[in-house]
Amino acid sequence: MSSIEQTKDSIKKKMQLMDYEAIPQNNNTPIQQDVKTTKQEKVKVTVYLSEEHWKMFNELCLQEMKRSGKPEKSQLICEAIEHLYKLRTST
């Protein structure tokens, strides 16, 4: 057998893990799973608010900032739309 064929066979064996011992697994560590969050496609919208509604919205943002640290303005608007939609379509 030529040296090229020997090298080829050696590589095949290593690729098939024939030369390696089984790797012991530590059962004490938690298993991490890859979680892929699917992001919904978003649409940019311009909204015109009265000064009164703008103040209300800013108050909600301040409350959210106190509660969670960062106001997610888009999330607040989405929640408001969902709530209004449920109110109007439930009758």
Protein backbone atom coordinates (compact mmCIF):
# COMPACT_ATOMS: atom_id res chain seq x y z
CA MET A 1 0.00 0.00 0.00
CA SER A 2 1.40 3.39 -0.94
CA SER A 3 1.91 6.15 1.60
CA ILE A 4 -0.86 8.18 -0.03
CA GLU A 5 -3.34 5.32 0.42
CA GLN A 6 -2.20 4.82 4.02
CA THR A 7 -2.72 8.51 4.75
CA LYS A 8 -6.09 8.39 3.05
CA ASP A 9 -7.17 5.39 5.15
CA SER A 10 -5.89 7.04 8.31
CA ILE A 11 -7.91 10.17 7.59
CA LYS A 12 -11.04 8.12 6.86
CA LYS A 13 -10.70 6.29 10.17
CA LYS A 14 -10.26 9.54 12.07
CA MET A 15 -13.23 11.08 10.34
CA GLN A 16 -15.32 8.08 11.37
CA LEU A 17 -14.05 8.51 14.95
CA MET A 18 -12.66 4.95 15.00
CA ASP A 19 -9.43 6.14 16.67
CA TYR A 20 -11.15 8.21 19.34
CA GLU A 21 -12.54 7.16 22.68
CA ALA A 22 -16.05 8.10 23.62
CA ILE A 23 -16.14 11.51 25.24
CA PRO A 24 -17.63 11.25 28.73
CA GLN A 25 -20.58 13.54 29.26
CA ASN A 26 -21.10 15.49 32.42
CA ASN A 27 -24.71 14.95 33.43
CA ASN A 28 -24.50 17.61 36.14
CA THR A 29 -24.53 20.53 33.73
CA PRO A 30 -27.80 21.74 32.23
CA ILE A 31 -28.34 21.08 28.57
CA GLN A 32 -28.45 24.23 26.50
CA GLN A 33 -30.86 24.28 23.65
CA ASP A 34 -30.63 26.66 20.75
CA VAL A 35 -33.74 28.74 20.85
CA LYS A 36 -34.37 30.73 17.75
CA THR A 37 -36.88 33.47 18.20
CA THR A 38 -38.76 34.34 15.12
CA LYS A 39 -39.11 38.05 14.67
CA GLN A 40 -42.24 39.29 13.03
CA GLU A 41 -41.79 41.63 10.14
CA LYS A 42 -42.50 45.17 11.25
CA VAL A 43 -43.93 48.16 9.45
CA LYS A 44 -42.92 51.73 10.16
CA VAL A 45 -45.87 54.01 10.90
CA THR A 46 -46.16 57.75 11.46
CA VAL A 47 -48.82 58.74 13.97
CA TYR A 48 -50.03 62.25 14.73
CA LEU A 49 -51.18 62.76 18.33
CA SER A 50 -52.76 65.67 20.11
CA GLU A 51 -50.69 67.18 22.89
CA GLU A 52 -52.97 65.55 25.46
CA HIS A 53 -52.51 62.08 23.94
CA TRP A 54 -48.77 62.65 23.63
CA LYS A 55 -48.59 63.44 27.37
CA MET A 56 -50.59 60.28 28.16
CA PHE A 57 -48.25 58.22 26.01
CA ASN A 58 -45.18 59.73 27.69
CA GLU A 59 -46.69 58.96 31.11
CA LEU A 60 -47.11 55.32 30.06
CA CYS A 61 -43.50 55.26 28.87
CA LEU A 62 -42.33 56.66 32.23
CA GLN A 63 -44.32 54.02 34.11
CA GLU A 64 -42.81 51.31 31.92
CA MET A 65 -39.33 52.73 32.50
CA LYS A 66 -39.83 52.58 36.26
CA ARG A 67 -41.15 49.02 36.01
CA SER A 68 -38.70 47.42 33.58
CA GLY A 69 -35.92 49.91 32.99
CA LYS A 70 -36.51 50.63 29.32
CA PRO A 71 -39.76 51.71 27.72
CA GLU A 72 -40.56 49.73 24.60
CA LYS A 73 -42.71 52.30 22.86
CA SER A 74 -43.62 50.03 19.97
CA GLN A 75 -44.70 47.31 22.39
CA LEU A 76 -46.89 49.77 24.32
CA ILE A 77 -48.59 50.85 21.11
CA CYS A 78 -49.10 47.24 20.01
CA GLU A 79 -50.67 46.38 23.37
CA ALA A 80 -53.02 49.39 23.09
CA ILE A 81 -54.08 48.39 19.57
CA GLU A 82 -54.69 44.78 20.64
CA HIS A 83 -56.74 45.93 23.64
CA LEU A 84 -58.83 48.31 21.52
CA TYR A 85 -59.31 45.63 18.87
CA LYS A 86 -60.58 43.14 21.46
CA LEU A 87 -62.95 45.73 22.91
CA ARG A 88 -64.43 46.63 19.54
CA THR A 89 -64.69 43.13 18.08
CA SER A 90 -65.99 41.30 21.15
CA THR A 91 -69.56 42.65 20.85
